[in-house]
Amino acid sequence: MRIAVGADHAGFQLKQNVAAYLRELGHEVIDLGTTSTEPVDYPDYAEAVGKTMLEGHAERAVLICGSGVGASVSANKLPGIRGAMCHDTYSAHQGVEHDDMNVLVLGARIIGVELARELVRTFLAAKFTREERHVRRVGKIKALEKRYGKST
């Protein structure tokens, strides 16, 4: 699977570790930065990850910032991106299975490397169930994006 990864400066070290782990698992990694711990702005990396997803260059993505909150908020401004901050395995798989989540957001200052790896593995193994109730709900999410655009 092709996986886009991106992070701000606070998430740089965890991103490096997650990218290496993804490669160990046999995935193709599209690393969208940042490339150091020099301060940068998380919305720029959320946009790069989201754009890569929307252009079809990656099937899923992992986005990391200090808390996970700013990156999550930013990523979800792009129509078609369904990102969620997950710090437990239930949310990491349930978000995909029920909500067709395509971006896993992690808080580098909240979780450690081993939990991040477990969350990534769980996220990538999950599949959208396509149950009628979940398809209906994701359809309503898409309708909200259409109705309000990406300027909200």
C-alpha atoms as a PDB file:
ATOM      1  CA  MET A   1       0.000   0.000   0.000  1.00  0.00           C
ATOM      2  CA  ARG A   2       1.171   3.556  -0.689  1.00  0.00           C
ATOM      3  CA  ILE A   3       1.123   5.569   2.515  1.00  0.00           C
ATOM      4  CA  ALA A   4       1.717   9.313   2.741  1.00  0.00           C
ATOM      5  CA  VAL A   5       3.365  10.549   5.936  1.00  0.00           C
ATOM      6  CA  GLY A   6       3.751  14.102   7.113  1.00  0.00           C
ATOM      7  CA  ALA A   7       4.556  15.933  10.307  1.00  0.00           C
ATOM      8  CA  ASP A   8       5.459  19.275  11.743  1.00  0.00           C
ATOM      9  CA  HIS A   9       8.630  19.800  13.762  1.00  0.00           C
ATOM     10  CA  ALA A  10       7.082  18.343  16.926  1.00  0.00           C
ATOM     11  CA  GLY A  11       6.208  15.166  15.072  1.00  0.00           C
ATOM     12  CA  PHE A  12       9.420  14.861  13.060  1.00  0.00           C
ATOM     13  CA  GLN A  13      11.114  12.149  15.143  1.00  0.00           C
ATOM     14  CA  LEU A  14       7.966  10.026  15.389  1.00  0.00           C
ATOM     15  CA  LYS A  15       7.355  10.456  11.654  1.00  0.00           C
ATOM     16  CA  GLN A  16      10.837   9.165  10.911  1.00  0.00           C
ATOM     17  CA  ASN A  17      10.188   6.132  13.080  1.00  0.00           C
ATOM     18  CA  VAL A  18       6.728   5.477  11.620  1.00  0.00           C
ATOM     19  CA  ALA A  19       8.032   5.808   8.046  1.00  0.00           C
ATOM     20  CA  ALA A  20      10.803   3.297   8.731  1.00  0.00           C
ATOM     21  CA  TYR A  21       8.282   0.936  10.319  1.00  0.00           C
ATOM     22  CA  LEU A  22       5.955   1.220   7.320  1.00  0.00           C
ATOM     23  CA  ARG A  23       8.835   0.298   5.030  1.00  0.00           C
ATOM     24  CA  GLU A  24       9.631  -2.702   7.259  1.00  0.00           C
ATOM     25  CA  LEU A  25       6.028  -3.805   6.777  1.00  0.00           C
ATOM     26  CA  GLY A  26       6.492  -3.596   3.006  1.00  0.00           C
ATOM     27  CA  HIS A  27       4.569  -0.403   2.305  1.00  0.00           C
ATOM     28  CA  GLU A  28       5.637   2.318  -0.104  1.00  0.00           C
ATOM     29  CA  VAL A  29       6.122   5.541   1.868  1.00  0.00           C
ATOM     30  CA  ILE A  30       5.607   9.010   0.446  1.00  0.00           C
ATOM     31  CA  ASP A  31       7.373  11.283   2.934  1.00  0.00           C
ATOM     32  CA  LEU A  32       6.007  14.811   2.669  1.00  0.00           C
ATOM     33  CA  GLY A  33       8.158  16.309   5.414  1.00  0.00           C
ATOM     34  CA  THR A  34       9.114  18.067   7.490  1.00  0.00           C
ATOM     35  CA  THR A  35      12.779  17.200   7.322  1.00  0.00           C
ATOM     36  CA  SER A  36      14.000  18.484  10.695  1.00  0.00           C
ATOM     37  CA  THR A  37      12.973  19.772  14.095  1.00  0.00           C
ATOM     38  CA  GLU A  38      13.137  23.394  12.907  1.00  0.00           C
ATOM     39  CA  PRO A  39       9.773  25.053  13.636  1.00  0.00           C
ATOM     40  CA  VAL A  40       7.205  24.819  10.833  1.00  0.00           C
ATOM     41  CA  ASP A  41       3.420  25.139  10.608  1.00  0.00           C
ATOM     42  CA  TYR A  42       1.332  21.953  10.839  1.00  0.00           C
ATOM     43  CA  PRO A  43      -1.404  23.144   8.400  1.00  0.00           C
ATOM     44  CA  ASP A  44       1.178  23.075   5.583  1.00  0.00           C
ATOM     45  CA  TYR A  45       1.887  19.386   6.169  1.00  0.00           C
ATOM     46  CA  ALA A  46      -1.767  18.521   6.644  1.00  0.00           C
ATOM     47  CA  GLU A  47      -2.467  20.124   3.283  1.00  0.00           C
ATOM     48  CA  ALA A  48       0.411  18.272   1.603  1.00  0.00           C
ATOM     49  CA  VAL A  49      -0.815  14.940   2.982  1.00  0.00           C
ATOM     50  CA  GLY A  50      -4.430  15.659   2.055  1.00  0.00           C
ATOM     51  CA  LYS A  51      -3.560  16.825  -1.437  1.00  0.00           C
ATOM     52  CA  THR A  52      -1.474  13.707  -2.028  1.00  0.00           C
ATOM     53  CA  MET A  53      -4.450  11.588  -0.952  1.00  0.00           C
ATOM     54  CA  LEU A  54      -6.922  13.511  -3.110  1.00  0.00           C
ATOM     55  CA  GLU A  55      -4.666  13.227  -6.161  1.00  0.00           C
ATOM     56  CA  GLY A  56      -4.637   9.453  -5.713  1.00  0.00           C
ATOM     57  CA  HIS A  57      -0.911   9.162  -5.021  1.00  0.00           C
ATOM     58  CA  ALA A  58      -1.520   7.455  -1.664  1.00  0.00           C
ATOM     59  CA  GLU A  59      -4.210   5.133  -0.382  1.00  0.00           C
ATOM     60  CA  ARG A  60      -3.931   6.189   3.254  1.00  0.00           C
ATOM     61  CA  ALA A  61      -1.889   8.594   5.338  1.00  0.00           C
ATOM     62  CA  VAL A  62      -0.365   9.167   8.747  1.00  0.00           C
ATOM     63  CA  LEU A  63      -0.119  12.758   9.937  1.00  0.00           C
ATOM     64  CA  ILE A  64       1.695  13.802  13.106  1.00  0.00           C
ATOM     65  CA  CYS A  65       1.992  16.975  15.164  1.00  0.00           C
ATOM     66  CA  GLY A  66       2.660  17.623  18.833  1.00  0.00           C
ATOM     67  CA  SER A  67      -0.830  16.918  20.167  1.00  0.00           C
ATOM     68  CA  GLY A  68      -2.489  15.648  17.005  1.00  0.00           C
ATOM     69  CA  VAL A  69      -5.248  18.226  17.365  1.00  0.00           C
ATOM     70  CA  GLY A  70      -4.025  20.932  14.974  1.00  0.00           C
ATOM     71  CA  ALA A  71      -3.075  18.448  12.268  1.00  0.00           C
ATOM     72  CA  SER A  72      -6.443  16.722  12.593  1.00  0.00           C
ATOM     73  CA  VAL A  73      -8.405  19.963  12.358  1.00  0.00           C
ATOM     74  CA  SER A  74      -6.339  21.100   9.366  1.00  0.00           C
ATOM     75  CA  ALA A  75      -6.536  17.831   7.440  1.00  0.00           C
ATOM     76  CA  ASN A  76     -10.298  17.701   7.767  1.00  0.00           C
ATOM     77  CA  LYS A  77     -10.653  21.042   5.993  1.00  0.00           C
ATOM     78  CA  LEU A  78      -9.908  19.247   2.713  1.00  0.00           C
ATOM     79  CA  PRO A  79     -12.986  17.654   1.152  1.00  0.00           C
ATOM     80  CA  GLY A  80     -12.645  13.887   0.969  1.00  0.00           C
ATOM     81  CA  ILE A  81     -10.215  13.695   3.854  1.00  0.00           C
ATOM     82  CA  ARG A  82     -11.535  11.872   6.878  1.00  0.00           C
ATOM     83  CA  GLY A  83      -8.790  12.106   9.459  1.00  0.00           C
ATOM     84  CA  ALA A  84      -8.979  11.337  13.127  1.00  0.00           C
ATOM     85  CA  MET A  85      -6.604  11.592  16.026  1.00  0.00           C
ATOM     86  CA  CYS A  86      -6.333   8.147  17.554  1.00  0.00           C
ATOM     87  CA  HIS A  87      -4.411   7.189  20.640  1.00  0.00           C
ATOM     88  CA  ASP A  88      -6.063   3.794  21.152  1.00  0.00           C
ATOM     89  CA  THR A  89      -6.421   0.781  18.854  1.00  0.00           C
ATOM     90  CA  TYR A  90     -10.226   0.684  19.015  1.00  0.00           C
ATOM     91  CA  SER A  91     -10.494   4.152  17.467  1.00  0.00           C
ATOM     92  CA  ALA A  92      -7.808   3.335  14.897  1.00  0.00           C
ATOM     93  CA  HIS A  93      -9.742   0.397  13.460  1.00  0.00           C
ATOM     94  CA  GLN A  94     -13.296   1.552  14.176  1.00  0.00           C
ATOM     95  CA  GLY A  95     -12.637   4.861  12.429  1.00  0.00           C
ATOM     96  CA  VAL A  96     -11.826   2.988   9.233  1.00  0.00           C
ATOM     97  CA  GLU A  97     -14.509   0.306   9.603  1.00  0.00           C
ATOM     98  CA  HIS A  98     -17.396   2.683  10.352  1.00  0.00           C
ATOM     99  CA  ASP A  99     -16.301   6.126   9.127  1.00  0.00           C
ATOM    100  CA  ASP A 100     -14.021   5.264   6.192  1.00  0.00           C
ATOM    101  CA  MET A 101     -11.216   7.202   7.883  1.00  0.00           C
ATOM    102  CA  ASN A 102      -8.298   7.628   5.486  1.00  0.00           C
ATOM    103  CA  VAL A 103      -5.839   9.649   7.602  1.00  0.00           C
ATOM    104  CA  LEU A 104      -4.549   8.535  10.990  1.00  0.00           C
ATOM    105  CA  VAL A 105      -3.445  11.504  13.092  1.00  0.00           C
ATOM    106  CA  LEU A 106      -1.055  11.023  15.993  1.00  0.00           C
ATOM    107  CA  GLY A 107       0.180  13.287  18.768  1.00  0.00           C
ATOM    108  CA  ALA A 108       3.934  12.869  19.138  1.00  0.00           C
ATOM    109  CA  ARG A 109       3.923  14.508  22.569  1.00  0.00           C
ATOM    110  CA  ILE A 110       1.115  12.216  23.726  1.00  0.00           C
ATOM    111  CA  ILE A 111       2.112   8.696  22.662  1.00  0.00           C
ATOM    112  CA  GLY A 112       5.324   6.736  22.349  1.00  0.00           C
ATOM    113  CA  VAL A 113       6.874   4.864  19.457  1.00  0.00           C
ATOM    114  CA  GLU A 114       5.508   1.421  20.326  1.00  0.00           C
ATOM    115  CA  LEU A 115       1.920   2.628  20.612  1.00  0.00           C
ATOM    116  CA  ALA A 116       2.306   4.606  17.381  1.00  0.00           C
ATOM    117  CA  ARG A 117       3.450   1.442  15.602  1.00  0.00           C
ATOM    118  CA  GLU A 118       0.518  -0.528  17.000  1.00  0.00           C
ATOM    119  CA  LEU A 119      -1.920   2.191  15.920  1.00  0.00           C
ATOM    120  CA  VAL A 120      -0.451   2.349  12.409  1.00  0.00           C
ATOM    121  CA  ARG A 121      -0.623  -1.441  12.049  1.00  0.00           C
ATOM    122  CA  THR A 122      -4.234  -1.487  13.280  1.00  0.00           C
ATOM    123  CA  PHE A 123      -5.262   1.424  11.023  1.00  0.00           C
ATOM    124  CA  LEU A 124      -3.774  -0.167   7.921  1.00  0.00           C
ATOM    125  CA  ALA A 125      -5.291  -3.594   8.600  1.00  0.00           C
ATOM    126  CA  ALA A 126      -8.813  -2.183   8.958  1.00  0.00           C
ATOM    127  CA  LYS A 127     -11.296  -2.080   6.078  1.00  0.00           C
ATOM    128  CA  PHE A 128     -14.458  -0.019   5.618  1.00  0.00           C
ATOM    129  CA  THR A 129     -17.364  -2.407   6.248  1.00  0.00           C
ATOM    130  CA  ARG A 130     -19.636  -0.927   3.581  1.00  0.00           C
ATOM    131  CA  GLU A 131     -22.611  -1.738   5.811  1.00  0.00           C
ATOM    132  CA  GLU A 132     -25.633   0.287   4.749  1.00  0.00           C
ATOM    133  CA  ARG A 133     -25.705   2.404   7.917  1.00  0.00           C
ATOM    134  CA  HIS A 134     -22.025   3.319   7.554  1.00  0.00           C
ATOM    135  CA  VAL A 135     -22.330   4.083   3.835  1.00  0.00           C
ATOM    136  CA  ARG A 136     -25.333   6.302   4.635  1.00  0.00           C
ATOM    137  CA  ARG A 137     -23.416   8.160   7.347  1.00  0.00           C
ATOM    138  CA  VAL A 138     -20.315   8.703   5.230  1.00  0.00           C
ATOM    139  CA  GLY A 139     -22.652   9.939   2.497  1.00  0.00           C
ATOM    140  CA  LYS A 140     -23.985  12.527   4.929  1.00  0.00           C
ATOM    141  CA  ILE A 141     -20.416  13.616   5.720  1.00  0.00           C
ATOM    142  CA  LYS A 142     -19.792  14.081   2.001  1.00  0.00           C
ATOM    143  CA  ALA A 143     -23.031  16.063   1.705  1.00  0.00           C
ATOM    144  CA  LEU A 144     -21.865  18.373   4.501  1.00  0.00           C
ATOM    145  CA  GLU A 145     -18.594  18.978   2.636  1.00  0.00           C
ATOM    146  CA  LYS A 146     -20.525  19.795  -0.525  1.00  0.00           C
ATOM    147  CA  ARG A 147     -23.065  21.999   1.249  1.00  0.00           C
ATOM    148  CA  TYR A 148     -20.525  24.059   3.189  1.00  0.00           C
ATOM    149  CA  GLY A 149     -17.437  23.825   1.056  1.00  0.00           C
ATOM    150  CA  LYS A 150     -13.955  23.840   2.503  1.00  0.00           C
ATOM    151  CA  SER A 151     -14.011  27.389   3.846  1.00  0.00           C
ATOM    152  CA  THR A 152     -15.533  26.494   7.220  1.00  0.00           C
END
